[in-house]
């Protein structure tokens, strides 16, 4: 539970921190070839908008901006949903309240916008994170986690080197006695006091209490925490305000077609302890508690068109589902495959020796390709999913397999007609 629900605060003291993961996600989005040009163009707009916001004083932290969905789009974040339609159809005006933490003051997690059509859930949230508390000295009980001869010891030794990044960019190395990912929570005066303590005692310690947003968002019906967001964009504002856009993509069966869903935003409090001695820099952390902010999201009544197609031969069978809504078009393909395909898929050494469907693509009318994301499901089957933008006048969706050895196989295309909402199978 701690690993999943408190990942942000419990790992702020390690190289695998939430701050680093946010950065990795952003870098992956920018480096994704199919989105690179679009992101680059939008970033130019983002820079211009940044200047306007700076001059006018408009910021989400003040509550002056109502469309969080549009904010993420205008700042260059890649989304698969039609943001204009999403803004029109999404609910807003959810009542929010703050809660008090033991160490970090008041925090809140507000649902700003939410869209649920029975198959897809997209939310925009605003978190007010707590102020960090820094305690210098060697007497604090939490430092027991950093002493190898103490039963509470659970620390790891920090190895100098590497680049550490938070939402403001690279964290400067201000001290050889503290990890950069700890320094970001401390003032220059506190860093200097830590170094003075070490110079006088040959040992120095600091304990930090932090409170912030959990990576996990609880959705009613997802008792096993199987939902993994397709898009999860986070942006830290001033004064501890974090904005978040989350698209859960295709919902699991237990969350589908309900009149309403309870979506619970989570925040947690954690403690980090750092002790530096002649043997190195010892770092440990523990979660302290979790705060829940539940919201009821009602089903939108818009029409969703469902289309189907399939393909089968002596080796495998595939069933395709296309869901067309005002917000997005999603394609889902379930493939029943031989056991050797599943084994070969997980072993790149076999990709040149075993013939299997390695990828699926949607062939667009202009000849461009949209790739699927795939994952194993029950009984050795495989599910492929993607979202795509329909082109004006498009009459069909064509799904084509790509084999590990022979490449594309046009003869195995699944063709689903969009004309009059009638599906056809090749």
Protein backbone atom coordinates (compact mmCIF):
# COMPACT_ATOMS: atom_id res chain seq x y z
CA UNK A 1 0.00 0.00 0.00
CA UNK A 2 2.75 2.44 0.97
CA UNK A 3 4.63 1.79 -2.27
CA UNK A 4 1.61 2.56 -4.42
CA UNK A 5 -0.19 5.23 -2.45
CA UNK A 6 2.67 7.23 -1.03
CA UNK A 7 5.23 6.95 -3.81
CA UNK A 8 5.68 10.70 -4.11
CA UNK A 9 6.69 11.53 -0.56
CA UNK A 10 8.25 8.18 0.31
CA UNK A 11 10.66 8.42 -2.59
CA UNK A 12 11.50 12.12 -2.60
CA UNK A 13 14.78 11.12 -1.05
CA UNK A 14 15.84 8.66 -3.72
CA UNK A 15 16.88 8.98 -7.38
CA UNK A 16 13.54 7.33 -8.26
CA UNK A 17 11.56 10.18 -6.79
CA UNK A 18 8.25 11.46 -8.08
CA UNK A 19 9.96 14.63 -9.23
CA UNK A 20 12.31 12.61 -11.40
CA UNK A 21 9.43 10.51 -12.70
CA UNK A 22 7.53 13.63 -13.70
CA UNK A 23 10.60 14.76 -15.61
CA UNK A 24 11.01 11.37 -17.27
CA UNK A 25 7.40 11.44 -18.42
CA UNK A 26 7.84 14.92 -19.89
CA UNK A 27 11.02 13.87 -21.68
CA UNK A 28 9.32 10.78 -23.10
CA UNK A 29 6.49 12.90 -24.47
CA UNK A 30 8.89 15.30 -26.15
CA UNK A 31 11.06 12.51 -27.57
CA UNK A 32 8.06 10.58 -28.92
CA UNK A 33 8.56 10.94 -32.65
CA UNK A 34 4.91 11.02 -33.62
CA UNK A 35 4.33 13.97 -31.25
CA UNK A 36 7.63 15.81 -31.56
CA UNK A 37 6.61 18.41 -34.15
CA UNK A 38 3.30 19.11 -32.49
CA UNK A 39 4.85 19.53 -29.05
CA UNK A 40 7.57 21.80 -30.39
CA UNK A 41 5.04 24.05 -32.09
CA UNK A 42 2.91 24.27 -29.00
CA UNK A 43 5.86 25.09 -26.82
CA UNK A 44 6.34 28.27 -28.85
CA UNK A 45 2.77 29.20 -27.97
CA UNK A 46 3.47 28.27 -24.35
CA UNK A 47 6.38 30.69 -24.13
CA UNK A 48 4.25 33.49 -25.52
CA UNK A 49 1.44 32.66 -23.12
CA UNK A 50 3.90 32.60 -20.22
CA UNK A 51 4.76 36.22 -20.92
CA UNK A 52 1.10 37.20 -21.00
CA UNK A 53 0.39 35.43 -17.73
CA UNK A 54 3.39 37.04 -16.09
CA UNK A 55 2.19 40.52 -17.12
CA UNK A 56 -1.46 40.03 -16.22
CA UNK A 57 -0.93 38.08 -13.01
CA UNK A 58 -3.32 35.34 -14.15
CA UNK A 59 -2.38 32.00 -12.57
CA UNK A 60 -4.20 28.81 -11.74
CA UNK A 61 -3.05 29.13 -8.16
CA UNK A 62 -5.45 32.06 -7.78
CA UNK A 63 -8.41 30.18 -9.20
CA UNK A 64 -8.76 32.74 -12.01
CA UNK A 65 -8.57 30.14 -14.79
CA UNK A 66 -11.54 27.80 -15.09
CA UNK A 67 -10.47 25.46 -17.90
CA UNK A 68 -7.69 23.27 -16.61
CA UNK A 69 -8.04 21.04 -19.69
CA UNK A 70 -7.44 24.00 -21.99
CA UNK A 71 -4.53 25.17 -19.85
CA UNK A 72 -2.64 21.93 -20.43
CA UNK A 73 -3.30 22.02 -24.15
CA UNK A 74 -2.18 25.63 -24.52
CA UNK A 75 1.02 24.89 -22.62
CA UNK A 76 2.01 22.20 -25.10
CA UNK A 77 1.06 18.98 -23.33
CA UNK A 78 0.05 16.17 -25.69
CA UNK A 79 -3.52 14.89 -25.24
CA UNK A 80 -5.51 12.37 -27.24
CA UNK A 81 -8.84 13.99 -26.39
CA UNK A 82 -10.46 16.88 -28.28
CA UNK A 83 -9.98 19.58 -25.66
CA UNK A 84 -12.63 21.94 -27.05
CA UNK A 85 -15.26 19.19 -26.88
CA UNK A 86 -13.94 18.08 -23.52
CA UNK A 87 -14.35 21.57 -22.08
CA UNK A 88 -17.91 21.73 -23.40
CA UNK A 89 -18.99 18.34 -22.07
CA UNK A 90 -17.05 18.10 -18.80
CA UNK A 91 -18.59 18.81 -15.40
CA UNK A 92 -17.12 21.43 -13.09
CA UNK A 93 -18.00 23.27 -9.91
CA UNK A 94 -17.12 20.44 -7.53
CA UNK A 95 -17.04 21.52 -3.89
CA UNK A 96 -13.58 21.29 -2.35
CA UNK A 97 -12.31 21.51 1.18
CA UNK A 98 -8.88 21.52 2.77
CA UNK A 99 -7.67 19.12 5.44
CA UNK A 100 -5.07 19.65 8.12
CA UNK A 101 -1.87 17.58 8.29
CA UNK A 102 0.10 16.91 11.43
CA UNK A 103 3.30 18.59 10.28
CA UNK A 104 2.70 20.52 7.05
CA UNK A 105 -0.37 22.65 7.61
CA UNK A 106 -3.46 22.57 5.41
CA UNK A 107 -3.54 20.70 2.11
CA UNK A 108 -6.28 20.20 -0.47
CA UNK A 109 -7.02 18.20 -3.60
CA UNK A 110 -9.70 19.80 -5.77
CA UNK A 111 -11.44 18.20 -8.72
CA UNK A 112 -11.67 21.09 -11.18
CA UNK A 113 -13.13 19.32 -14.24
CA UNK A 114 -14.30 15.77 -14.91
CA UNK A 115 -15.59 13.89 -17.95
CA UNK A 116 -17.12 10.39 -17.77
CA UNK A 117 -19.09 8.84 -20.63
CA UNK A 118 -19.31 5.28 -19.32
CA UNK A 119 -16.15 4.13 -21.10
CA UNK A 120 -13.63 6.91 -20.59
CA UNK A 121 -12.75 9.03 -17.55
CA UNK A 122 -10.75 12.26 -17.82
CA UNK A 123 -10.15 14.57 -14.87
CA UNK A 124 -8.42 17.85 -14.15
CA UNK A 125 -7.28 18.40 -10.56
CA UNK A 126 -5.56 21.04 -8.48
CA UNK A 127 -3.52 20.04 -5.43
CA UNK A 128 -2.43 22.49 -2.73
CA UNK A 129 0.61 20.81 -1.24
CA UNK A 130 1.76 21.47 2.30
CA UNK A 131 4.79 23.51 3.35
CA UNK A 132 7.85 21.40 4.10
CA UNK A 133 9.19 21.35 7.67
CA UNK A 134 12.96 21.08 8.19
CA UNK A 135 14.48 20.07 11.56
CA UNK A 136 18.27 20.23 11.98
CA UNK A 137 20.15 18.25 14.61
CA UNK A 138 21.12 14.75 15.70
CA UNK A 139 18.51 14.12 18.39
CA UNK A 140 15.38 13.51 16.32
CA UNK A 141 13.91 9.99 16.65
CA UNK A 142 13.57 9.65 12.84
CA UNK A 143 17.36 9.61 12.50
CA UNK A 144 17.32 6.09 13.96
CA UNK A 145 16.46 4.97 10.43
CA UNK A 146 19.91 6.13 9.31
CA UNK A 147 22.03 4.45 12.05
CA UNK A 148 23.25 0.99 10.98
CA UNK A 149 23.40 -0.32 14.57
CA UNK A 150 19.76 0.67 15.30
CA UNK A 151 16.87 -1.86 14.83
CA UNK A 152 14.98 0.85 12.91
CA UNK A 153 17.77 1.16 10.30
CA UNK A 154 16.38 1.19 6.75
CA UNK A 155 18.56 3.78 5.01
CA UNK A 156 20.48 3.62 1.77
CA UNK A 157 23.81 5.29 1.15
CA UNK A 158 23.70 8.18 -1.29
CA UNK A 159 26.27 7.89 -4.08
CA UNK A 160 27.42 11.30 -5.36
CA UNK A 161 27.13 12.09 -9.05
CA UNK A 162 24.30 12.11 -11.53
CA UNK A 163 21.85 14.83 -12.49
CA UNK A 164 18.76 15.52 -10.40
CA UNK A 165 15.82 17.44 -11.80
CA UNK A 166 12.67 18.88 -10.29
CA UNK A 167 9.85 20.92 -11.82
CA UNK A 168 12.08 24.00 -12.05
CA UNK A 169 14.86 22.17 -13.88
CA UNK A 170 18.20 20.80 -12.74
CA UNK A 171 18.79 20.99 -8.99
CA UNK A 172 22.13 22.71 -8.30
CA UNK A 173 24.66 20.90 -6.13
CA UNK A 174 25.10 23.28 -3.20
CA UNK A 175 26.77 20.89 -0.77
CA UNK A 176 28.94 17.76 -0.84
CA UNK A 177 27.30 16.65 2.40
CA UNK A 178 23.66 16.50 1.22
CA UNK A 179 21.93 14.93 -1.80
CA UNK A 180 20.52 17.47 -4.28
CA UNK A 181 17.04 15.98 -3.98
CA UNK A 182 17.13 16.87 -0.27
CA UNK A 183 18.68 20.30 -0.76
CA UNK A 184 15.69 21.41 -2.84
CA UNK A 185 13.62 21.51 0.36
CA UNK A 186 16.19 23.49 2.36
CA UNK A 187 17.21 27.14 2.49
CA UNK A 188 20.81 28.27 2.03
CA UNK A 189 20.94 29.10 5.74
CA UNK A 190 19.83 25.57 6.67
CA UNK A 191 22.42 24.03 4.33
CA UNK A 192 25.14 26.17 5.90
CA UNK A 193 24.00 25.15 9.40
CA UNK A 194 24.16 21.46 8.38
CA UNK A 195 27.74 21.88 7.13
CA UNK A 196 28.74 23.72 10.29
CA UNK A 197 27.30 20.89 12.37
CA UNK A 198 29.38 18.36 10.45
CA UNK A 199 32.55 20.44 10.78
CA UNK A 200 32.10 20.63 14.56
CA UNK A 201 30.92 17.06 15.25
CA UNK A 202 32.05 14.92 12.32
CA UNK A 203 28.35 14.10 11.94
CA UNK A 204 25.24 16.04 10.94
CA UNK A 205 21.55 15.23 10.63
CA UNK A 206 18.37 16.71 9.21
CA UNK A 207 14.74 15.54 9.22
CA UNK A 208 12.20 16.78 6.67
CA UNK A 209 8.41 16.49 6.75
CA UNK A 210 6.66 16.87 3.38
CA UNK A 211 3.07 16.57 2.21
CA UNK A 212 1.97 16.21 -1.39
CA UNK A 213 -0.14 14.53 -4.03
CA UNK A 214 -0.15 10.77 -4.38
CA UNK A 215 0.42 9.27 -7.82
CA UNK A 216 -2.53 6.99 -7.22
CA UNK A 217 -6.12 8.14 -7.86
CA UNK A 218 -8.80 5.78 -6.55
CA UNK A 219 -11.73 5.08 -8.88
CA UNK A 220 -14.86 3.29 -7.65
CA UNK A 221 -14.92 -0.28 -8.95
CA UNK A 222 -11.15 -0.53 -9.38
CA UNK A 223 -10.63 -2.56 -6.21
CA UNK A 224 -7.40 -4.15 -7.45
CA UNK A 225 -5.84 -0.84 -8.60
CA UNK A 226 -5.66 -2.04 -12.20
CA UNK A 227 -6.34 1.33 -13.80
CA UNK A 228 -3.20 2.92 -15.21
CA UNK A 229 -3.65 6.42 -16.70
CA UNK A 230 -3.02 6.70 -20.43
CA UNK A 231 -2.10 10.38 -19.99
CA UNK A 232 -0.92 11.80 -16.66
CA UNK A 233 0.47 15.32 -16.94
CA UNK A 234 1.57 17.24 -13.84
CA UNK A 235 2.77 20.81 -13.52
CA UNK A 236 3.98 22.49 -10.34
CA UNK A 237 2.94 26.11 -9.88
CA UNK A 238 4.05 28.62 -7.29
CA UNK A 239 3.07 28.35 -3.62
CA UNK A 240 2.86 24.56 -3.67
CA UNK A 241 0.01 24.31 -6.20
CA UNK A 242 0.24 21.32 -8.53
CA UNK A 243 -2.04 21.00 -11.59
CA UNK A 244 -2.83 17.60 -13.06
CA UNK A 245 -4.50 16.22 -16.20
CA UNK A 246 -5.35 12.49 -16.10
CA UNK A 247 -6.95 10.45 -18.88
CA UNK A 248 -7.63 6.88 -17.75
CA UNK A 249 -8.23 5.76 -21.32
CA UNK A 250 -10.31 2.62 -21.67
CA UNK A 251 -11.90 1.84 -18.30
CA UNK A 252 -12.04 -1.67 -16.91
CA UNK A 253 -15.41 -3.46 -16.94
CA UNK A 254 -16.07 -2.75 -13.25
CA UNK A 255 -16.01 1.01 -13.89
CA UNK A 256 -18.01 1.06 -17.11
CA UNK A 257 -21.49 2.35 -17.82
CA UNK A 258 -22.33 3.51 -14.30
CA UNK A 259 -24.68 6.38 -13.58
CA UNK A 260 -21.94 7.86 -11.42
CA UNK A 261 -18.43 7.10 -10.18
CA UNK A 262 -16.67 8.20 -7.02
CA UNK A 263 -13.19 9.49 -7.82
CA UNK A 264 -10.92 9.95 -4.80
CA UNK A 265 -7.87 12.18 -4.98
CA UNK A 266 -5.22 11.23 -2.45
CA UNK A 267 -2.57 13.19 -0.59
CA UNK A 268 0.00 11.88 1.85
CA UNK A 269 2.47 13.02 4.46
CA UNK A 270 5.96 11.59 4.84
CA UNK A 271 9.17 11.97 6.77
CA UNK A 272 12.71 11.88 5.33
CA UNK A 273 15.88 11.60 7.40
CA UNK A 274 19.46 12.32 6.29
CA UNK A 275 22.58 11.75 8.36
CA UNK A 276 26.12 12.35 7.13
CA UNK A 277 29.14 10.84 8.87
CA UNK A 278 32.66 9.66 7.96
CA UNK A 279 31.18 6.59 6.22
CA UNK A 280 28.92 8.52 3.85
CA UNK A 281 25.48 10.09 3.43
CA UNK A 282 22.63 7.95 4.80
CA UNK A 283 19.09 8.60 3.55
CA UNK A 284 15.78 7.04 4.69
CA UNK A 285 12.08 7.83 4.52
CA UNK A 286 8.69 6.62 5.72
CA UNK A 287 5.06 7.48 4.90
CA UNK A 288 3.04 8.88 7.77
CA UNK A 289 -0.55 8.98 6.60
CA UNK A 290 -3.01 9.52 3.79
CA UNK A 291 -5.77 12.05 3.23
CA UNK A 292 -8.73 11.28 0.95
CA UNK A 293 -10.71 13.77 -1.13
CA UNK A 294 -13.71 11.95 -2.73
CA UNK A 295 -15.81 13.40 -5.55
CA UNK A 296 -18.88 12.02 -7.32
CA UNK A 297 -18.67 12.22 -11.13
CA UNK A 298 -21.89 11.68 -13.06
CA UNK A 299 -22.14 9.94 -16.42
CA UNK A 300 -22.36 12.22 -19.44
CA UNK A 301 -25.34 11.51 -21.68
CA UNK A 302 -23.64 12.01 -25.05
CA UNK A 303 -24.00 9.33 -27.72
CA UNK A 304 -21.11 6.93 -28.27
CA UNK A 305 -20.91 4.91 -31.50
CA UNK A 306 -19.53 1.37 -31.21
CA UNK A 307 -18.16 -0.39 -34.30
CA UNK A 308 -16.67 -3.87 -34.60
CA UNK A 309 -14.46 -5.96 -36.86
CA UNK A 310 -12.49 -9.19 -36.73
CA UNK A 311 -9.96 -11.43 -38.45
CA UNK A 312 -9.18 -15.11 -37.97
CA UNK A 313 -6.91 -17.71 -39.56
CA UNK A 314 -5.45 -21.06 -38.48
CA UNK A 315 -2.88 -19.40 -36.19
CA UNK A 316 -4.63 -16.56 -34.37
CA UNK A 317 -7.88 -14.61 -34.09
CA UNK A 318 -8.41 -10.88 -33.53
CA UNK A 319 -11.50 -8.89 -32.50
CA UNK A 320 -11.51 -5.12 -32.90
CA UNK A 321 -13.72 -2.53 -31.24
CA UNK A 322 -13.87 1.12 -32.26
CA UNK A 323 -15.52 3.61 -29.91
CA UNK A 324 -16.30 7.02 -31.41
CA UNK A 325 -17.39 9.81 -29.06
CA UNK A 326 -17.39 13.59 -29.32
CA UNK A 327 -14.19 13.62 -27.25
CA UNK A 328 -12.06 10.88 -28.82
CA UNK A 329 -11.86 7.85 -31.09
CA UNK A 330 -10.39 4.75 -29.49
CA UNK A 331 -9.47 1.42 -31.09
CA UNK A 332 -9.10 -1.77 -29.04
CA UNK A 333 -7.99 -5.11 -30.51
CA UNK A 334 -7.93 -8.39 -28.57
CA UNK A 335 -5.69 -11.06 -30.10
CA UNK A 336 -5.82 -14.74 -29.15
CA UNK A 337 -2.30 -15.93 -29.85
CA UNK A 338 -0.26 -19.15 -29.64
CA UNK A 339 1.83 -19.70 -26.51
CA UNK A 340 5.07 -19.41 -28.48
CA UNK A 341 4.09 -15.90 -29.58
CA UNK A 342 3.82 -14.75 -25.98
CA UNK A 343 7.21 -16.25 -25.17
CA UNK A 344 8.87 -14.73 -28.23
CA UNK A 345 7.34 -11.33 -27.54
CA UNK A 346 9.13 -11.13 -24.19
CA UNK A 347 12.49 -12.25 -25.62
CA UNK A 348 14.01 -9.86 -28.21
CA UNK A 349 16.52 -12.56 -29.15
CA UNK A 350 13.66 -14.50 -30.78
CA UNK A 351 12.32 -11.60 -32.84
CA UNK A 352 14.40 -12.64 -35.84
CA UNK A 353 13.72 -16.36 -35.49
CA UNK A 354 10.04 -16.63 -34.47
CA UNK A 355 7.33 -15.17 -36.74
CA UNK A 356 4.67 -13.43 -34.62
CA UNK A 357 2.61 -10.24 -34.65
CA UNK A 358 4.95 -7.79 -33.02
CA UNK A 359 2.91 -4.60 -33.54
CA UNK A 360 -0.45 -3.36 -34.77
CA UNK A 361 -0.99 -0.13 -36.69
CA UNK A 362 -3.93 1.95 -37.86
CA UNK A 363 -3.31 2.88 -41.49
CA UNK A 364 -4.62 6.42 -41.99
CA UNK A 365 -6.11 7.58 -45.33
CA UNK A 366 -2.95 9.60 -46.05
CA UNK A 367 -0.79 6.51 -45.54
CA UNK A 368 0.55 7.49 -42.14
CA UNK A 369 0.62 4.92 -39.36
CA UNK A 370 -0.69 5.14 -35.78
CA UNK A 371 0.86 2.55 -33.49
CA UNK A 372 -0.90 0.62 -30.73
CA UNK A 373 0.18 0.03 -27.16
CA UNK A 374 -0.09 -3.63 -26.19
CA UNK A 375 -0.18 -5.66 -23.01
CA UNK A 376 -0.87 -9.30 -22.10
CA UNK A 377 -4.29 -10.19 -20.69
CA UNK A 378 -5.81 -13.42 -19.41
CA UNK A 379 -5.08 -16.88 -20.83
CA UNK A 380 -2.12 -15.76 -22.94
CA UNK A 381 -4.15 -13.27 -24.99
CA UNK A 382 -2.92 -9.79 -25.92
CA UNK A 383 -4.78 -6.47 -25.98
CA UNK A 384 -3.78 -3.54 -28.17
CA UNK A 385 -5.16 -0.03 -27.68
CA UNK A 386 -4.72 3.33 -29.35
CA UNK A 387 -6.44 6.67 -29.74
CA UNK A 388 -6.48 8.53 -33.05
CA UNK A 389 -7.76 11.65 -34.74
CA UNK A 390 -10.26 10.97 -37.52
CA UNK A 391 -9.63 12.87 -40.72
CA UNK A 392 -12.50 14.82 -42.24
CA UNK A 393 -14.26 12.61 -44.77
CA UNK A 394 -12.61 9.43 -43.49
CA UNK A 395 -14.73 6.41 -44.46
CA UNK A 396 -12.95 3.53 -42.73
CA UNK A 397 -10.47 2.50 -40.07
CA UNK A 398 -7.88 0.00 -41.30
CA UNK A 399 -5.88 -2.06 -38.79
CA UNK A 400 -2.75 -3.83 -40.06
CA UNK A 401 -0.45 -6.33 -38.27
CA UNK A 402 3.32 -6.06 -38.39
CA UNK A 403 5.19 -9.37 -38.08
CA UNK A 404 8.58 -9.78 -36.45
CA UNK A 405 10.18 -11.23 -39.60
CA UNK A 406 7.99 -10.53 -42.64
CA UNK A 407 6.79 -7.06 -41.59
CA UNK A 408 3.41 -5.62 -42.63
CA UNK A 409 0.70 -8.05 -43.78
CA UNK A 410 -1.94 -6.15 -45.74
CA UNK A 411 -3.82 -9.40 -46.44
CA UNK A 412 -4.70 -9.59 -42.72
CA UNK A 413 -6.11 -6.06 -42.46
CA UNK A 414 -9.21 -5.51 -40.35
CA UNK A 415 -11.28 -2.85 -42.12
CA UNK A 416 -14.08 -1.14 -40.21
CA UNK A 417 -16.40 1.14 -42.15
CA UNK A 418 -17.34 4.50 -40.68
CA UNK A 419 -20.00 5.22 -43.28
CA UNK A 420 -23.48 5.34 -41.73
CA UNK A 421 -22.07 3.69 -38.64
CA UNK A 422 -22.06 0.26 -40.33
CA UNK A 423 -19.02 -1.95 -39.76
CA UNK A 424 -17.60 -4.29 -42.35
CA UNK A 425 -14.94 -6.96 -42.10
CA UNK A 426 -12.34 -7.84 -44.70
